[in-house]
Amino acid sequence: MQAGLKLGLIDPVVASIVGPVPFHGPFGIGHECVAQVTAVGADVVGVRPGDIVIVPWSVSCGSCYECRLGLTAKCSTMRAESPGGTLAAFGFGSTSGAWGGMVADSLRIPHADHMLVKVPTGVDPLRVAAASDNLADAWRTVVPPLRLRPGGRVLVIGGGGKSIGLYAAGLAVAHGASVVDYFDNDDSRLEVAESFGATVHKVRRSFRRMLLPRTTGRYDVAVEASPHPQGLRDALRALRPGGICTGTGYYLSPGTRLPAMDMYATSATLNIGISHVRPLLPELLDFIASSDFPAERVTSMLADWDDATDTYAAHTTKLVLHRPPLDLGDR
């Protein structure tokens, strides 16, 4: 990425998120967590010590213009405190703010009454370990579009956003999609997608060959989680008239080409952008609690907190670290 930025092969906006020297360390990593509240400020009324909560990956105030629109990852209040000016987020390094990372013993959460969302009683925290980002990101790609197209056909192109595509496939099946076709190059992920009820298709790792000849028709909803320019073009060209495609990843090239004429001809909608997790969490968590949706199937490695250094090196689909809750007594 450093070379790509210097040579103009990577869009310069990336530097406003991860720094002109991308991910220059040292900095705290981790941007998803289920946390235990250990102490609260005098003005906090919505949570108390001992509560188990989801902490969204992006930091937001809940009251600015963007937050009121539901665009919490673009909170203007917190972006003003971010050196890069694009994001205020945990785990991305100092360019996205001095918030630290979630692989930490303690975090300070601003605007806690807005930011923190309690995990429903009876829901295993390990089931919603990715609700901070990836699980909620997948939710926005399929659940709202399927409300517009009940029983619609869904295409998921997985691979790059390793867990996002899997969550999306599972959520699409659970929300009544008539067809869910899942494409990936990894056998273990194909097995997980198939266990959710998706029809799986193995592809080459490069994603440079068109997938369209291997699809089973046109789709109401497409989730592009490769993230590769060819995957994005395939997803858009695979849509039914009026279909909706959501791209979930970084398209790093400054010259990513889109099939604009195809989109015009089919009245396609393309959503590309960061996930605004906080507004989605109450409905997502209620769904998990009421449906018993097995999101933990996507977890490919469950490891002890103290083994973080070794397990991160595995580069697995979805690593979840866990530790026992604290005994806070009467705090």
Protein backbone atom coordinates (compact mmCIF):
# COMPACT_ATOMS: atom_id res chain seq x y z
CA MET A 1 0.00 0.00 0.00
CA GLN A 2 2.87 2.39 0.71
CA ALA A 3 4.28 1.83 -2.77
CA GLY A 4 0.82 2.02 -4.32
CA LEU A 5 0.14 5.43 -2.78
CA LYS A 6 3.50 6.79 -3.89
CA LEU A 7 3.04 5.53 -7.45
CA GLY A 8 -0.56 6.73 -7.73
CA LEU A 9 -1.92 3.19 -8.00
CA ILE A 10 -4.04 3.60 -4.85
CA ASP A 11 -6.59 6.36 -4.44
CA PRO A 12 -5.12 9.06 -2.14
CA VAL A 13 -8.29 9.16 -0.01
CA VAL A 14 -7.00 5.91 1.55
CA ALA A 15 -4.27 7.95 3.25
CA SER A 16 -6.92 10.03 5.04
CA ILE A 17 -8.16 6.84 6.71
CA VAL A 18 -5.04 4.76 7.43
CA GLY A 19 -2.32 7.41 7.12
CA PRO A 20 0.14 8.53 4.42
CA VAL A 21 2.28 5.60 5.54
CA PRO A 22 -0.60 3.09 5.77
CA PHE A 23 -1.13 1.55 9.20
CA HIS A 24 2.15 2.95 10.48
CA GLY A 25 2.70 1.53 13.95
CA PRO A 26 2.72 1.15 16.75
CA PHE A 27 -0.99 1.57 17.42
CA GLY A 28 -3.81 -0.35 19.09
CA ILE A 29 -5.55 -2.79 16.75
CA GLY A 30 -9.07 -4.18 16.75
CA HIS A 31 -12.30 -2.47 15.70
CA GLU A 32 -14.97 -4.99 16.77
CA CYS A 33 -15.83 -5.99 20.31
CA VAL A 34 -18.36 -7.05 22.86
CA ALA A 35 -17.37 -5.22 26.03
CA GLN A 36 -18.18 -5.15 29.72
CA VAL A 37 -18.85 -1.75 31.23
CA THR A 38 -16.49 -1.22 34.16
CA ALA A 39 -17.21 2.41 35.05
CA VAL A 40 -19.39 5.28 33.81
CA GLY A 41 -19.20 9.04 33.88
CA ALA A 42 -21.52 11.12 36.03
CA ASP A 43 -23.82 12.00 33.11
CA VAL A 44 -24.24 8.46 31.76
CA VAL A 45 -27.70 7.02 32.47
CA GLY A 46 -28.21 4.27 29.86
CA VAL A 47 -25.60 1.76 30.98
CA ARG A 48 -24.00 0.78 34.25
CA PRO A 49 -21.01 -1.27 35.39
CA GLY A 50 -21.43 -4.94 34.56
CA ASP A 51 -23.54 -4.40 31.43
CA ILE A 52 -22.43 -6.35 28.34
CA VAL A 53 -22.52 -4.06 25.33
CA ILE A 54 -21.66 -3.73 21.64
CA VAL A 55 -19.22 -0.91 20.84
CA PRO A 56 -19.61 0.30 17.23
CA TRP A 57 -16.39 0.47 15.23
CA SER A 58 -16.82 4.17 14.39
CA VAL A 59 -17.07 6.89 17.02
CA SER A 60 -20.14 9.13 16.85
CA CYS A 61 -21.97 11.70 18.95
CA GLY A 62 -25.57 10.81 18.06
CA SER A 63 -26.73 14.41 17.72
CA CYS A 64 -24.96 16.09 14.77
CA TYR A 65 -26.54 16.48 11.33
CA GLU A 66 -24.96 13.29 9.96
CA CYS A 67 -25.87 11.21 13.01
CA ARG A 68 -29.49 12.36 12.81
CA LEU A 69 -29.51 11.10 9.21
CA GLY A 70 -28.20 7.71 10.38
CA LEU A 71 -24.72 8.34 8.94
CA THR A 72 -22.95 7.70 12.22
CA ALA A 73 -19.65 6.66 10.61
CA LYS A 74 -19.48 10.19 9.16
CA CYS A 75 -20.22 11.98 12.44
CA SER A 76 -19.03 15.57 11.94
CA THR A 77 -18.46 16.08 15.67
CA MET A 78 -15.97 13.24 15.98
CA ARG A 79 -14.39 13.64 12.55
CA ALA A 80 -13.36 17.11 13.66
CA GLU A 81 -11.10 15.34 16.19
CA SER A 82 -9.67 13.00 13.56
CA PRO A 83 -6.38 14.09 11.89
CA GLY A 84 -7.44 12.52 8.58
CA GLY A 85 -10.84 14.16 8.63
CA THR A 86 -12.51 11.13 7.01
CA LEU A 87 -13.23 8.72 9.87
CA ALA A 88 -13.19 8.63 13.65
CA ALA A 89 -12.70 4.97 14.46
CA PHE A 90 -11.15 2.40 16.73
CA GLY A 91 -8.23 0.32 15.54
CA PHE A 92 -7.24 2.17 12.34
CA GLY A 93 -4.33 4.16 13.75
CA SER A 94 -3.83 7.79 14.65
CA THR A 95 -5.07 9.20 11.33
CA SER A 96 -8.59 8.10 12.28
CA GLY A 97 -8.28 9.52 15.79
CA ALA A 98 -6.73 8.82 19.17
CA TRP A 99 -9.32 6.24 20.23
CA GLY A 100 -7.05 3.23 20.47
CA GLY A 101 -7.93 -0.31 19.46
CA MET A 102 -10.39 -2.81 20.89
CA VAL A 103 -7.78 -5.47 21.64
CA ALA A 104 -7.14 -3.69 24.92
CA ASP A 105 -7.85 -4.17 28.59
CA SER A 106 -9.73 -0.89 28.81
CA LEU A 107 -11.30 1.62 26.43
CA ARG A 108 -12.82 5.03 27.03
CA ILE A 109 -16.04 5.44 25.03
CA PRO A 110 -17.27 8.99 24.42
CA HIS A 111 -21.02 9.70 24.16
CA ALA A 112 -21.64 6.38 25.89
CA ASP A 113 -25.42 6.69 26.13
CA HIS A 114 -25.56 6.96 22.36
CA MET A 115 -22.68 4.67 21.43
CA LEU A 116 -23.21 1.59 23.59
CA VAL A 117 -25.96 -0.95 22.87
CA LYS A 118 -26.70 -3.70 25.38
CA VAL A 119 -26.53 -7.31 24.28
CA PRO A 120 -30.00 -8.82 24.85
CA THR A 121 -30.42 -11.16 27.80
CA GLY A 122 -29.85 -14.75 26.76
CA VAL A 123 -27.71 -13.95 23.71
CA ASP A 124 -24.23 -15.46 23.88
CA PRO A 125 -21.71 -12.61 23.36
CA LEU A 126 -19.68 -14.95 21.13
CA ARG A 127 -22.65 -15.08 18.75
CA VAL A 128 -22.59 -11.32 18.22
CA ALA A 129 -18.83 -10.81 18.40
CA ALA A 130 -18.88 -9.13 14.96
CA ALA A 131 -21.92 -6.92 15.52
CA SER A 132 -19.59 -3.93 15.90
CA ASP A 133 -18.95 -4.02 12.16
CA ASN A 134 -18.97 -7.09 9.91
CA LEU A 135 -22.29 -8.61 11.00
CA ALA A 136 -24.03 -5.23 10.87
CA ASP A 137 -22.33 -4.48 7.55
CA ALA A 138 -23.79 -7.68 6.12
CA TRP A 139 -27.21 -6.82 7.54
CA ARG A 140 -27.40 -3.55 5.61
CA THR A 141 -26.54 -5.32 2.33
CA VAL A 142 -29.47 -7.75 2.35
CA VAL A 143 -32.15 -7.06 4.95
CA PRO A 144 -33.37 -3.59 3.82
CA PRO A 145 -33.18 -4.55 0.10
CA LEU A 146 -35.16 -7.76 0.70
CA ARG A 147 -37.88 -5.69 2.36
CA LEU A 148 -38.24 -3.92 -0.97
CA ARG A 149 -38.08 -7.24 -2.88
CA PRO A 150 -39.64 -9.91 -0.61
CA GLY A 151 -38.47 -13.35 -1.64
CA GLY A 152 -35.92 -11.83 -3.99
CA ARG A 153 -32.93 -13.56 -5.52
CA VAL A 154 -29.58 -12.74 -3.87
CA LEU A 155 -26.05 -12.93 -5.25
CA VAL A 156 -23.08 -12.81 -2.85
CA ILE A 157 -19.55 -12.50 -4.19
CA GLY A 158 -17.29 -13.28 -1.24
CA GLY A 159 -13.57 -13.56 -0.69
CA GLY A 160 -11.96 -10.25 0.25
CA GLY A 161 -14.44 -9.22 2.94
CA LYS A 162 -14.11 -12.72 4.29
CA SER A 163 -16.77 -12.79 6.98
CA ILE A 164 -19.09 -10.13 5.54
CA GLY A 165 -20.10 -12.24 2.56
CA LEU A 166 -20.80 -15.24 4.80
CA TYR A 167 -22.96 -13.25 7.20
CA ALA A 168 -24.79 -11.77 4.21
CA ALA A 169 -25.49 -15.21 2.73
CA GLY A 170 -26.84 -16.49 6.04
CA LEU A 171 -28.97 -13.42 6.67
CA ALA A 172 -30.38 -13.55 3.14
CA VAL A 173 -31.51 -17.15 3.63
CA ALA A 174 -32.94 -16.31 7.06
CA HIS A 175 -34.91 -13.39 5.59
CA GLY A 176 -36.65 -15.42 2.94
CA ALA A 177 -34.59 -14.97 -0.21
CA SER A 178 -35.80 -17.44 -2.84
CA VAL A 179 -32.25 -17.99 -4.13
CA VAL A 180 -28.89 -17.24 -2.52
CA ASP A 181 -25.89 -17.88 -4.77
CA TYR A 182 -22.54 -17.56 -3.00
CA PHE A 183 -19.24 -17.32 -4.92
CA ASP A 184 -15.81 -17.70 -3.27
CA ASN A 185 -12.42 -19.30 -3.82
CA ASP A 186 -12.02 -20.75 -0.31
CA ASP A 187 -13.36 -24.23 0.49
CA SER A 188 -13.86 -23.57 4.19
CA ARG A 189 -15.96 -20.47 3.51
CA LEU A 190 -17.96 -22.31 0.87
CA GLU A 191 -18.79 -24.94 3.50
CA VAL A 192 -20.04 -22.28 5.93
CA ALA A 193 -22.17 -20.59 3.26
CA GLU A 194 -23.65 -23.95 2.29
CA SER A 195 -24.45 -24.69 5.95
CA PHE A 196 -26.55 -21.50 5.99
CA GLY A 197 -28.55 -22.78 3.02
CA ALA A 198 -26.83 -20.91 0.20
CA THR A 199 -25.96 -22.50 -3.14
CA VAL A 200 -22.18 -22.29 -3.42
CA HIS A 201 -19.89 -21.85 -6.42
CA LYS A 202 -16.10 -22.07 -6.33
CA VAL A 203 -14.15 -19.52 -8.37
CA ARG A 204 -10.52 -18.68 -9.00
CA ARG A 205 -8.73 -16.57 -6.47
CA SER A 206 -8.02 -13.68 -8.87
CA PHE A 207 -11.68 -12.85 -9.70
CA ARG A 208 -10.43 -11.54 -13.04
CA ARG A 209 -12.71 -13.77 -15.11
CA MET A 210 -16.35 -12.83 -15.41
CA LEU A 211 -18.68 -14.74 -13.10
CA LEU A 212 -21.81 -14.05 -15.11
CA PRO A 213 -21.67 -17.26 -17.21
CA ARG A 214 -21.81 -19.23 -13.95
CA THR A 215 -24.70 -17.39 -12.32
CA THR A 216 -28.19 -18.90 -12.35
CA GLY A 217 -30.10 -15.88 -13.59
CA ARG A 218 -30.57 -12.27 -12.61
CA TYR A 219 -30.77 -11.02 -9.03
CA ASP A 220 -32.77 -8.54 -7.00
CA VAL A 221 -29.92 -8.03 -4.54
CA ALA A 222 -26.16 -8.31 -5.05
CA VAL A 223 -23.55 -8.19 -2.29
CA GLU A 224 -20.04 -7.48 -3.56
CA ALA A 225 -17.56 -8.54 -0.88
CA SER A 226 -14.60 -9.67 -2.99
CA PRO A 227 -13.71 -6.60 -3.14
CA HIS A 228 -12.37 -6.59 -6.68
CA PRO A 229 -13.32 -4.30 -9.59
CA GLN A 230 -14.34 -7.29 -11.70
CA GLY A 231 -16.53 -8.55 -8.89
CA LEU A 232 -18.20 -5.16 -8.71
CA ARG A 233 -18.83 -5.12 -12.44
CA ASP A 234 -20.20 -8.66 -12.36
CA ALA A 235 -22.52 -7.88 -9.46
CA LEU A 236 -23.95 -4.84 -11.24
CA ARG A 237 -24.43 -6.64 -14.55
CA ALA A 238 -26.18 -9.52 -12.77
CA LEU A 239 -29.02 -7.37 -11.41
CA ARG A 240 -32.66 -7.60 -12.37
CA PRO A 241 -34.33 -4.33 -13.37
CA GLY A 242 -34.30 -2.05 -10.34
CA GLY A 243 -31.93 -4.33 -8.45
CA ILE A 244 -29.67 -3.15 -5.65
CA CYS A 245 -25.95 -3.82 -5.33
CA THR A 246 -23.91 -3.00 -2.23
CA GLY A 247 -20.12 -2.94 -2.29
CA THR A 248 -18.65 -3.49 1.16
CA GLY A 249 -14.90 -3.11 0.69
CA TYR A 250 -12.09 -0.81 -0.36
CA TYR A 251 -11.81 -0.36 -4.13
CA LEU A 252 -8.28 0.95 -4.01
CA SER A 253 -7.67 1.86 -7.63
CA PRO A 254 -8.22 5.53 -8.51
CA GLY A 255 -9.69 4.38 -11.84
CA THR A 256 -12.19 1.65 -10.95
CA ARG A 257 -14.45 1.23 -13.99
CA LEU A 258 -18.21 0.77 -13.64
CA PRO A 259 -20.64 -0.54 -16.28
CA ALA A 260 -22.65 2.67 -16.31
CA MET A 261 -24.64 1.81 -19.43
CA ASP A 262 -25.68 -1.55 -17.99
CA MET A 263 -26.79 0.25 -14.83
CA TYR A 264 -28.75 2.76 -16.90
CA ALA A 265 -30.45 0.03 -18.90
CA THR A 266 -31.56 -1.89 -15.78
CA SER A 267 -32.20 1.10 -13.48
CA ALA A 268 -29.69 -0.41 -11.06
CA THR A 269 -28.80 1.07 -7.70
CA LEU A 270 -25.24 0.92 -6.38
CA ASN A 271 -24.43 1.55 -2.75
CA ILE A 272 -20.75 1.87 -1.89
CA GLY A 273 -19.65 3.21 1.43
CA ILE A 274 -18.63 2.56 4.98
CA SER A 275 -21.11 0.88 7.28
CA HIS A 276 -23.14 3.00 9.68
CA VAL A 277 -23.49 0.41 12.41
CA ARG A 278 -25.04 2.21 15.36
CA PRO A 279 -28.56 2.76 13.91
CA LEU A 280 -28.75 -0.91 12.87
CA LEU A 281 -27.78 -2.52 16.17
CA PRO A 282 -31.13 -2.55 18.05
CA GLU A 283 -32.97 -4.30 15.20
CA LEU A 284 -30.06 -6.62 14.43
CA LEU A 285 -29.69 -7.71 18.07
CA ASP A 286 -33.45 -8.20 18.44
CA PHE A 287 -33.38 -10.44 15.37
CA ILE A 288 -30.50 -12.51 16.77
CA ALA A 289 -32.31 -12.86 20.09
CA SER A 290 -35.65 -13.88 18.57
CA SER A 291 -34.45 -16.05 15.67
CA ASP A 292 -31.48 -17.85 17.21
CA PHE A 293 -29.51 -17.02 14.05
CA PRO A 294 -26.16 -18.89 14.36
CA ALA A 295 -23.79 -16.06 13.43
CA GLU A 296 -21.00 -17.84 15.32
CA ARG A 297 -20.72 -20.33 12.44
CA VAL A 298 -18.63 -17.75 10.62
CA THR A 299 -16.04 -17.72 13.43
CA SER A 300 -13.16 -19.77 12.05
CA MET A 301 -10.91 -19.42 15.10
CA LEU A 302 -11.94 -18.90 18.73
CA ALA A 303 -8.89 -18.10 20.83
CA ASP A 304 -7.95 -17.08 24.33
CA TRP A 305 -7.34 -13.38 24.85
CA ASP A 306 -3.77 -13.98 25.95
CA ASP A 307 -2.99 -15.78 22.68
CA ALA A 308 -3.84 -12.79 20.49
CA THR A 309 -0.32 -12.30 19.14
CA ASP A 310 -0.06 -15.84 17.79
CA THR A 311 -3.63 -16.17 16.53
CA TYR A 312 -3.65 -12.92 14.56
CA ALA A 313 -0.76 -14.37 12.53
CA ALA A 314 -3.09 -17.11 11.27
CA HIS A 315 -4.90 -14.65 8.94
CA THR A 316 -8.06 -16.72 9.24
CA THR A 317 -11.56 -15.84 8.01
CA LYS A 318 -12.89 -14.68 11.38
CA LEU A 319 -10.83 -14.64 14.55
CA VAL A 320 -12.64 -14.06 17.83
CA LEU A 321 -10.68 -13.53 21.05
CA HIS A 322 -12.45 -14.11 24.36
CA ARG A 323 -11.82 -13.78 28.07
CA PRO A 324 -13.95 -14.36 31.20
CA PRO A 325 -16.11 -11.43 32.39
CA LEU A 326 -14.87 -9.45 35.35
CA ASP A 327 -16.42 -9.76 38.79
CA LEU A 328 -17.26 -6.14 39.52
CA GLY A 329 -18.95 -6.75 42.85
CA ASP A 330 -21.20 -3.82 43.82
CA ARG A 331 -19.66 -1.32 41.42
